[in-house]
C-alpha cells in the first residue's frame, strides 16, 4: 500500500474517533438533565400575588367595590379619587378644582355617572345645592376637599351632605380637610369618612391641615 493510502486511512480513522468523542461530550444526554424554564414547570410555579384594585391594602370580597379617596394637600397638590381601579378625578387628569370635588357612581354597576368640582371660596353654593339635590337613588357619592371647602357652605348644603351619611359636614369650615363616601338616602351614618379641622397649632402645612386618605370596600347595591 502506498504511503498516501495509509495516510488517508489514518485520517479517516481519526475523523471517526473525533466524531465519536464530540458526540459523547456535547450531543449525548439524558432526559433527566433537561430542565424546563421555571415558568413552564409545575413544580416551580409561583403564585402571583393578587394586587388590590386602586392599590388599597387588601382586595375586596365579591359584591364589593374598591375605592380610594385622597384630599388635596394644602393648595398645592389636588385631590384624587379611584373606584374599581378607575381614576375618576386627579391632578394628572386635570379635572379637579379648589373647594369640593364630587363624583357620583352607580351603586349597582359601579359606573361613573358624573363628576364635578365646586369652588367653596368664591363660587356660587347654589350650584352645589342643585347638584346634590339631583343625585339619583342608589348612587354612591365620593367627596374630597381641596384648599378651602367650607367658606361658602350653607345650612342647606350641610343638611344635604348629612342626608348622604356624613357626620362632619355640619362642622366643615375654612381650609378643613375632608374625605367622604356616602349614598343617597342612607338610613345611617356612613363608616367611610375622615375629617381634620384647620388648626394653626396642629396644621402640618402652614395654614392647612395634612391631607387625608380614605380607602375601603363598599357593598354593591343589589337590585
C-alpha atoms as a PDB file:
ATOM      1  CA  UNK A   1       0.000   0.000   0.000  1.00  0.00           C
ATOM      2  CA  UNK A   2       1.295   3.418  -0.879  1.00  0.00           C
ATOM      3  CA  UNK A   3       2.141   5.905   1.840  1.00  0.00           C
ATOM      4  CA  UNK A   4      -0.597   8.242   0.623  1.00  0.00           C
ATOM      5  CA  UNK A   5      -3.189   5.495   1.034  1.00  0.00           C
ATOM      6  CA  UNK A   6      -2.055   4.766   4.572  1.00  0.00           C
ATOM      7  CA  UNK A   7      -2.305   8.445   5.434  1.00  0.00           C
ATOM      8  CA  UNK A   8      -5.838   8.655   4.048  1.00  0.00           C
ATOM      9  CA  UNK A   9      -6.853   5.596   6.103  1.00  0.00           C
ATOM     10  CA  UNK A  10      -5.375   7.043   9.281  1.00  0.00           C
ATOM     11  CA  UNK A  11      -7.136  10.374   8.624  1.00  0.00           C
ATOM     12  CA  UNK A  12     -10.464   8.559   8.188  1.00  0.00           C
ATOM     13  CA  UNK A  13      -9.986   6.620  11.427  1.00  0.00           C
ATOM     14  CA  UNK A  14      -9.050   9.822  13.250  1.00  0.00           C
ATOM     15  CA  UNK A  15     -12.165  11.556  11.947  1.00  0.00           C
ATOM     16  CA  UNK A  16     -14.343   8.686  13.195  1.00  0.00           C
ATOM     17  CA  UNK A  17     -12.754   8.793  16.635  1.00  0.00           C
ATOM     18  CA  UNK A  18     -13.072  12.586  16.829  1.00  0.00           C
ATOM     19  CA  UNK A  19     -16.746  12.416  15.792  1.00  0.00           C
ATOM     20  CA  UNK A  20     -17.429   9.777  18.459  1.00  0.00           C
ATOM     21  CA  UNK A  21     -15.745  11.863  21.166  1.00  0.00           C
ATOM     22  CA  UNK A  22     -17.661  15.018  20.121  1.00  0.00           C
ATOM     23  CA  UNK A  23     -20.936  13.150  20.162  1.00  0.00           C
ATOM     24  CA  UNK A  24     -20.274  11.696  23.607  1.00  0.00           C
ATOM     25  CA  UNK A  25     -19.237  15.050  25.026  1.00  0.00           C
ATOM     26  CA  UNK A  26     -21.721  17.553  23.533  1.00  0.00           C
ATOM     27  CA  UNK A  27     -24.648  15.726  21.991  1.00  0.00           C
ATOM     28  CA  UNK A  28     -25.409  12.696  24.070  1.00  0.00           C
ATOM     29  CA  UNK A  29     -27.642  13.488  27.090  1.00  0.00           C
ATOM     30  CA  UNK A  30     -30.260  12.029  29.323  1.00  0.00           C
ATOM     31  CA  UNK A  31     -33.773  13.490  29.618  1.00  0.00           C
ATOM     32  CA  UNK A  32     -33.095  13.661  33.358  1.00  0.00           C
ATOM     33  CA  UNK A  33     -30.749  16.569  32.649  1.00  0.00           C
ATOM     34  CA  UNK A  34     -33.385  18.581  30.792  1.00  0.00           C
ATOM     35  CA  UNK A  35     -34.826  21.385  32.863  1.00  0.00           C
ATOM     36  CA  UNK A  36     -37.882  23.302  31.699  1.00  0.00           C
ATOM     37  CA  UNK A  37     -37.989  27.036  32.276  1.00  0.00           C
ATOM     38  CA  UNK A  38     -39.428  27.833  35.695  1.00  0.00           C
ATOM     39  CA  UNK A  39     -42.486  29.426  34.156  1.00  0.00           C
ATOM     40  CA  UNK A  40     -43.278  26.118  32.407  1.00  0.00           C
ATOM     41  CA  UNK A  41     -42.534  23.828  35.310  1.00  0.00           C
ATOM     42  CA  UNK A  42     -45.461  22.980  37.554  1.00  0.00           C
ATOM     43  CA  UNK A  43     -43.082  22.175  40.392  1.00  0.00           C
ATOM     44  CA  UNK A  44     -41.682  25.718  40.320  1.00  0.00           C
ATOM     45  CA  UNK A  45     -44.870  27.578  39.584  1.00  0.00           C
ATOM     46  CA  UNK A  46     -45.150  30.625  41.746  1.00  0.00           C
ATOM     47  CA  UNK A  47     -48.459  32.068  42.801  1.00  0.00           C
ATOM     48  CA  UNK A  48     -48.578  35.686  41.759  1.00  0.00           C
ATOM     49  CA  UNK A  49     -49.828  37.972  44.490  1.00  0.00           C
ATOM     50  CA  UNK A  50     -53.184  39.483  43.673  1.00  0.00           C
ATOM     51  CA  UNK A  51     -52.926  43.261  43.652  1.00  0.00           C
ATOM     52  CA  UNK A  52     -55.943  45.005  45.123  1.00  0.00           C
ATOM     53  CA  UNK A  53     -57.826  47.474  42.944  1.00  0.00           C
ATOM     54  CA  UNK A  54     -56.959  51.135  43.477  1.00  0.00           C
ATOM     55  CA  UNK A  55     -53.851  49.854  45.344  1.00  0.00           C
ATOM     56  CA  UNK A  56     -55.757  49.576  48.606  1.00  0.00           C
ATOM     57  CA  UNK A  57     -54.322  47.490  51.442  1.00  0.00           C
ATOM     58  CA  UNK A  58     -56.225  44.271  50.606  1.00  0.00           C
ATOM     59  CA  UNK A  59     -58.578  43.025  47.863  1.00  0.00           C
ATOM     60  CA  UNK A  60     -62.314  43.408  48.320  1.00  0.00           C
ATOM     61  CA  UNK A  61     -64.619  40.376  48.521  1.00  0.00           C
ATOM     62  CA  UNK A  62     -67.183  39.568  45.859  1.00  0.00           C
ATOM     63  CA  UNK A  63     -70.069  42.012  45.540  1.00  0.00           C
ATOM     64  CA  UNK A  64     -67.972  44.846  46.978  1.00  0.00           C
ATOM     65  CA  UNK A  65     -66.422  47.810  45.188  1.00  0.00           C
ATOM     66  CA  UNK A  66     -62.876  49.017  45.955  1.00  0.00           C
ATOM     67  CA  UNK A  67     -62.279  52.735  46.355  1.00  0.00           C
ATOM     68  CA  UNK A  68     -59.652  55.232  47.465  1.00  0.00           C
ATOM     69  CA  UNK A  69     -60.123  58.952  48.065  1.00  0.00           C
ATOM     70  CA  UNK A  70     -57.341  61.435  48.851  1.00  0.00           C
ATOM     71  CA  UNK A  71     -57.920  65.043  49.808  1.00  0.00           C
ATOM     72  CA  UNK A  72     -55.762  67.818  48.464  1.00  0.00           C
ATOM     73  CA  UNK A  73     -52.507  68.823  50.126  1.00  0.00           C
ATOM     74  CA  UNK A  74     -52.826  72.500  51.124  1.00  0.00           C
ATOM     75  CA  UNK A  75     -53.403  74.476  47.904  1.00  0.00           C
ATOM     76  CA  UNK A  76     -50.542  72.764  46.077  1.00  0.00           C
ATOM     77  CA  UNK A  77     -51.496  69.176  45.221  1.00  0.00           C
ATOM     78  CA  UNK A  78     -55.036  68.397  44.152  1.00  0.00           C
ATOM     79  CA  UNK A  79     -57.185  65.504  45.398  1.00  0.00           C
ATOM     80  CA  UNK A  80     -57.730  62.157  43.704  1.00  0.00           C
ATOM     81  CA  UNK A  81     -60.450  59.523  43.543  1.00  0.00           C
ATOM     82  CA  UNK A  82     -60.194  55.909  42.403  1.00  0.00           C
ATOM     83  CA  UNK A  83     -63.107  53.491  42.106  1.00  0.00           C
ATOM     84  CA  UNK A  84     -62.711  49.873  40.979  1.00  0.00           C
ATOM     85  CA  UNK A  85     -59.229  50.609  39.608  1.00  0.00           C
ATOM     86  CA  UNK A  86     -60.504  53.571  37.588  1.00  0.00           C
ATOM     87  CA  UNK A  87     -59.156  57.015  38.410  1.00  0.00           C
ATOM     88  CA  UNK A  88     -62.158  59.325  38.277  1.00  0.00           C
ATOM     89  CA  UNK A  89     -60.556  62.615  39.316  1.00  0.00           C
ATOM     90  CA  UNK A  90     -56.918  63.604  39.853  1.00  0.00           C
ATOM     91  CA  UNK A  91     -54.397  66.373  39.153  1.00  0.00           C
ATOM     92  CA  UNK A  92     -52.968  64.226  36.358  1.00  0.00           C
ATOM     93  CA  UNK A  93     -56.367  64.136  34.640  1.00  0.00           C
ATOM     94  CA  UNK A  94     -56.587  67.887  35.228  1.00  0.00           C
ATOM     95  CA  UNK A  95     -60.228  67.666  36.350  1.00  0.00           C
ATOM     96  CA  UNK A  96     -60.041  68.773  39.990  1.00  0.00           C
ATOM     97  CA  UNK A  97     -60.636  72.211  41.466  1.00  0.00           C
ATOM     98  CA  UNK A  98     -60.478  74.273  44.617  1.00  0.00           C
ATOM     99  CA  UNK A  99     -63.264  73.534  47.080  1.00  0.00           C
ATOM    100  CA  UNK A 100     -65.239  70.287  46.946  1.00  0.00           C
ATOM    101  CA  UNK A 101     -64.618  67.601  44.335  1.00  0.00           C
ATOM    102  CA  UNK A 102     -67.523  65.181  43.973  1.00  0.00           C
ATOM    103  CA  UNK A 103     -68.043  62.036  41.896  1.00  0.00           C
ATOM    104  CA  UNK A 104     -71.290  60.084  41.507  1.00  0.00           C
ATOM    105  CA  UNK A 105     -71.170  56.323  40.909  1.00  0.00           C
ATOM    106  CA  UNK A 106     -73.979  53.871  40.222  1.00  0.00           C
ATOM    107  CA  UNK A 107     -74.167  51.739  43.358  1.00  0.00           C
ATOM    108  CA  UNK A 108     -75.228  48.621  41.441  1.00  0.00           C
ATOM    109  CA  UNK A 109     -72.974  48.639  38.386  1.00  0.00           C
ATOM    110  CA  UNK A 110     -70.023  50.760  39.543  1.00  0.00           C
ATOM    111  CA  UNK A 111     -70.417  53.027  36.506  1.00  0.00           C
ATOM    112  CA  UNK A 112     -69.288  56.632  36.962  1.00  0.00           C
ATOM    113  CA  UNK A 113     -72.300  58.851  36.350  1.00  0.00           C
ATOM    114  CA  UNK A 114     -70.899  62.333  36.802  1.00  0.00           C
ATOM    115  CA  UNK A 115     -68.165  64.323  38.500  1.00  0.00           C
ATOM    116  CA  UNK A 116     -67.586  67.980  39.179  1.00  0.00           C
ATOM    117  CA  UNK A 117     -65.805  70.474  41.446  1.00  0.00           C
ATOM    118  CA  UNK A 118     -67.326  73.402  43.321  1.00  0.00           C
ATOM    119  CA  UNK A 119     -65.377  76.489  44.388  1.00  0.00           C
ATOM    120  CA  UNK A 120     -66.340  76.991  48.011  1.00  0.00           C
ATOM    121  CA  UNK A 121     -64.341  80.203  48.469  1.00  0.00           C
ATOM    122  CA  UNK A 122     -65.538  82.452  45.664  1.00  0.00           C
ATOM    123  CA  UNK A 123     -68.051  80.272  43.796  1.00  0.00           C
ATOM    124  CA  UNK A 124     -71.857  80.055  43.961  1.00  0.00           C
ATOM    125  CA  UNK A 125     -73.017  77.485  46.518  1.00  0.00           C
ATOM    126  CA  UNK A 126     -76.361  77.240  44.691  1.00  0.00           C
ATOM    127  CA  UNK A 127     -74.621  75.153  42.038  1.00  0.00           C
ATOM    128  CA  UNK A 128     -73.515  72.670  44.704  1.00  0.00           C
ATOM    129  CA  UNK A 129     -77.009  72.526  46.223  1.00  0.00           C
ATOM    130  CA  UNK A 130     -78.560  71.885  42.808  1.00  0.00           C
ATOM    131  CA  UNK A 131     -76.015  69.133  42.106  1.00  0.00           C
ATOM    132  CA  UNK A 132     -76.712  67.393  45.432  1.00  0.00           C
ATOM    133  CA  UNK A 133     -80.490  67.593  45.029  1.00  0.00           C
ATOM    134  CA  UNK A 134     -80.302  65.910  41.622  1.00  0.00           C
ATOM    135  CA  UNK A 135     -78.388  62.830  42.830  1.00  0.00           C
ATOM    136  CA  UNK A 136     -80.380  59.739  41.716  1.00  0.00           C
ATOM    137  CA  UNK A 137     -81.474  56.949  44.031  1.00  0.00           C
ATOM    138  CA  UNK A 138     -78.926  54.156  44.557  1.00  0.00           C
ATOM    139  CA  UNK A 139     -75.974  56.452  43.884  1.00  0.00           C
ATOM    140  CA  UNK A 140     -72.652  56.426  45.725  1.00  0.00           C
ATOM    141  CA  UNK A 141     -71.177  59.872  46.405  1.00  0.00           C
ATOM    142  CA  UNK A 142     -67.407  60.376  46.696  1.00  0.00           C
ATOM    143  CA  UNK A 143     -66.164  63.693  48.103  1.00  0.00           C
ATOM    144  CA  UNK A 144     -62.671  65.164  48.503  1.00  0.00           C
ATOM    145  CA  UNK A 145     -61.711  68.628  49.737  1.00  0.00           C
ATOM    146  CA  UNK A 146     -59.015  70.850  48.251  1.00  0.00           C
ATOM    147  CA  UNK A 147     -57.706  74.153  49.628  1.00  0.00           C
ATOM    148  CA  UNK A 148     -60.917  75.611  51.121  1.00  0.00           C
ATOM    149  CA  UNK A 149     -64.111  73.524  51.207  1.00  0.00           C
ATOM    150  CA  UNK A 150     -66.122  75.461  53.771  1.00  0.00           C
ATOM    151  CA  UNK A 151     -66.268  79.226  53.377  1.00  0.00           C
ATOM    152  CA  UNK A 152     -69.439  79.247  51.230  1.00  0.00           C
ATOM    153  CA  UNK A 153     -71.041  76.247  52.943  1.00  0.00           C
ATOM    154  CA  UNK A 154     -74.685  76.871  53.924  1.00  0.00           C
ATOM    155  CA  UNK A 155     -77.036  75.079  56.301  1.00  0.00           C
ATOM    156  CA  UNK A 156     -78.906  73.699  53.306  1.00  0.00           C
ATOM    157  CA  UNK A 157     -75.750  72.207  51.788  1.00  0.00           C
ATOM    158  CA  UNK A 158     -74.687  70.762  55.133  1.00  0.00           C
ATOM    159  CA  UNK A 159     -78.093  69.121  55.546  1.00  0.00           C
ATOM    160  CA  UNK A 160     -77.848  67.545  52.083  1.00  0.00           C
ATOM    161  CA  UNK A 161     -74.432  66.061  52.918  1.00  0.00           C
ATOM    162  CA  UNK A 162     -75.762  64.846  56.267  1.00  0.00           C
ATOM    163  CA  UNK A 163     -78.593  63.090  54.408  1.00  0.00           C
ATOM    164  CA  UNK A 164     -75.907  61.280  52.392  1.00  0.00           C
ATOM    165  CA  UNK A 165     -74.497  59.878  55.639  1.00  0.00           C
ATOM    166  CA  UNK A 166     -71.909  62.486  56.646  1.00  0.00           C
ATOM    167  CA  UNK A 167     -71.179  63.072  60.322  1.00  0.00           C
ATOM    168  CA  UNK A 168     -68.826  66.028  59.786  1.00  0.00           C
ATOM    169  CA  UNK A 169     -70.417  68.189  57.073  1.00  0.00           C
ATOM    170  CA  UNK A 170     -72.102  70.233  59.796  1.00  0.00           C
ATOM    171  CA  UNK A 171     -68.645  71.247  61.111  1.00  0.00           C
ATOM    172  CA  UNK A 172     -66.894  71.822  57.778  1.00  0.00           C
ATOM    173  CA  UNK A 173     -65.150  75.185  57.688  1.00  0.00           C
ATOM    174  CA  UNK A 174     -62.363  77.266  56.192  1.00  0.00           C
ATOM    175  CA  UNK A 175     -59.459  75.131  54.882  1.00  0.00           C
ATOM    176  CA  UNK A 176     -60.530  71.951  56.672  1.00  0.00           C
ATOM    177  CA  UNK A 177     -59.544  68.573  55.200  1.00  0.00           C
ATOM    178  CA  UNK A 178     -62.413  66.188  54.397  1.00  0.00           C
ATOM    179  CA  UNK A 179     -62.890  62.920  52.518  1.00  0.00           C
ATOM    180  CA  UNK A 180     -66.187  61.074  52.426  1.00  0.00           C
ATOM    181  CA  UNK A 181     -68.140  58.321  50.711  1.00  0.00           C
ATOM    182  CA  UNK A 182     -71.895  58.243  51.215  1.00  0.00           C
ATOM    183  CA  UNK A 183     -75.082  57.331  49.391  1.00  0.00           C
ATOM    184  CA  UNK A 184     -78.436  58.840  48.553  1.00  0.00           C
ATOM    185  CA  UNK A 185     -80.961  58.401  51.389  1.00  0.00           C
ATOM    186  CA  UNK A 186     -78.564  56.428  53.555  1.00  0.00           C
ATOM    187  CA  UNK A 187     -80.502  55.288  56.629  1.00  0.00           C
ATOM    188  CA  UNK A 188     -77.493  55.562  58.963  1.00  0.00           C
ATOM    189  CA  UNK A 189     -74.195  57.406  59.134  1.00  0.00           C
ATOM    190  CA  UNK A 190     -71.524  56.327  56.659  1.00  0.00           C
ATOM    191  CA  UNK A 191     -68.478  54.483  58.061  1.00  0.00           C
ATOM    192  CA  UNK A 192     -66.388  55.993  55.265  1.00  0.00           C
ATOM    193  CA  UNK A 193     -65.393  59.490  56.358  1.00  0.00           C
ATOM    194  CA  UNK A 194     -62.376  61.377  57.676  1.00  0.00           C
ATOM    195  CA  UNK A 195     -62.241  64.975  58.835  1.00  0.00           C
ATOM    196  CA  UNK A 196     -59.447  67.213  60.077  1.00  0.00           C
ATOM    197  CA  UNK A 197     -60.015  70.724  61.372  1.00  0.00           C
ATOM    198  CA  UNK A 198     -57.856  73.625  60.275  1.00  0.00           C
ATOM    199  CA  UNK A 199     -55.918  74.478  63.413  1.00  0.00           C
ATOM    200  CA  UNK A 200     -52.776  76.672  63.479  1.00  0.00           C
ATOM    201  CA  UNK A 201     -51.429  74.669  66.411  1.00  0.00           C
ATOM    202  CA  UNK A 202     -51.669  71.289  64.690  1.00  0.00           C
ATOM    203  CA  UNK A 203     -51.574  72.027  60.955  1.00  0.00           C
ATOM    204  CA  UNK A 204     -48.963  70.049  59.038  1.00  0.00           C
ATOM    205  CA  UNK A 205     -48.738  72.653  56.295  1.00  0.00           C
ATOM    206  CA  UNK A 206     -48.676  76.365  57.058  1.00  0.00           C
ATOM    207  CA  UNK A 207     -52.344  77.353  57.035  1.00  0.00           C
ATOM    208  CA  UNK A 208     -53.679  73.873  56.198  1.00  0.00           C
ATOM    209  CA  UNK A 209     -54.022  70.515  57.971  1.00  0.00           C
ATOM    210  CA  UNK A 210     -52.454  67.426  56.416  1.00  0.00           C
ATOM    211  CA  UNK A 211     -54.045  65.546  53.537  1.00  0.00           C
ATOM    212  CA  UNK A 212     -56.357  62.642  54.274  1.00  0.00           C
ATOM    213  CA  UNK A 213     -56.615  59.196  52.672  1.00  0.00           C
ATOM    214  CA  UNK A 214     -59.720  57.057  52.785  1.00  0.00           C
ATOM    215  CA  UNK A 215     -59.902  53.552  51.321  1.00  0.00           C
ATOM    216  CA  UNK A 216     -62.089  50.520  51.664  1.00  0.00           C
ATOM    217  CA  UNK A 217     -64.687  48.177  50.220  1.00  0.00           C
ATOM    218  CA  UNK A 218     -68.234  49.391  49.785  1.00  0.00           C
ATOM    219  CA  UNK A 219     -71.027  46.833  49.258  1.00  0.00           C
ATOM    220  CA  UNK A 220     -72.622  46.644  45.842  1.00  0.00           C
ATOM    221  CA  UNK A 221     -76.293  47.583  45.824  1.00  0.00           C
ATOM    222  CA  UNK A 222     -78.232  44.513  44.664  1.00  0.00           C
ATOM    223  CA  UNK A 223     -81.205  45.393  42.511  1.00  0.00           C
END
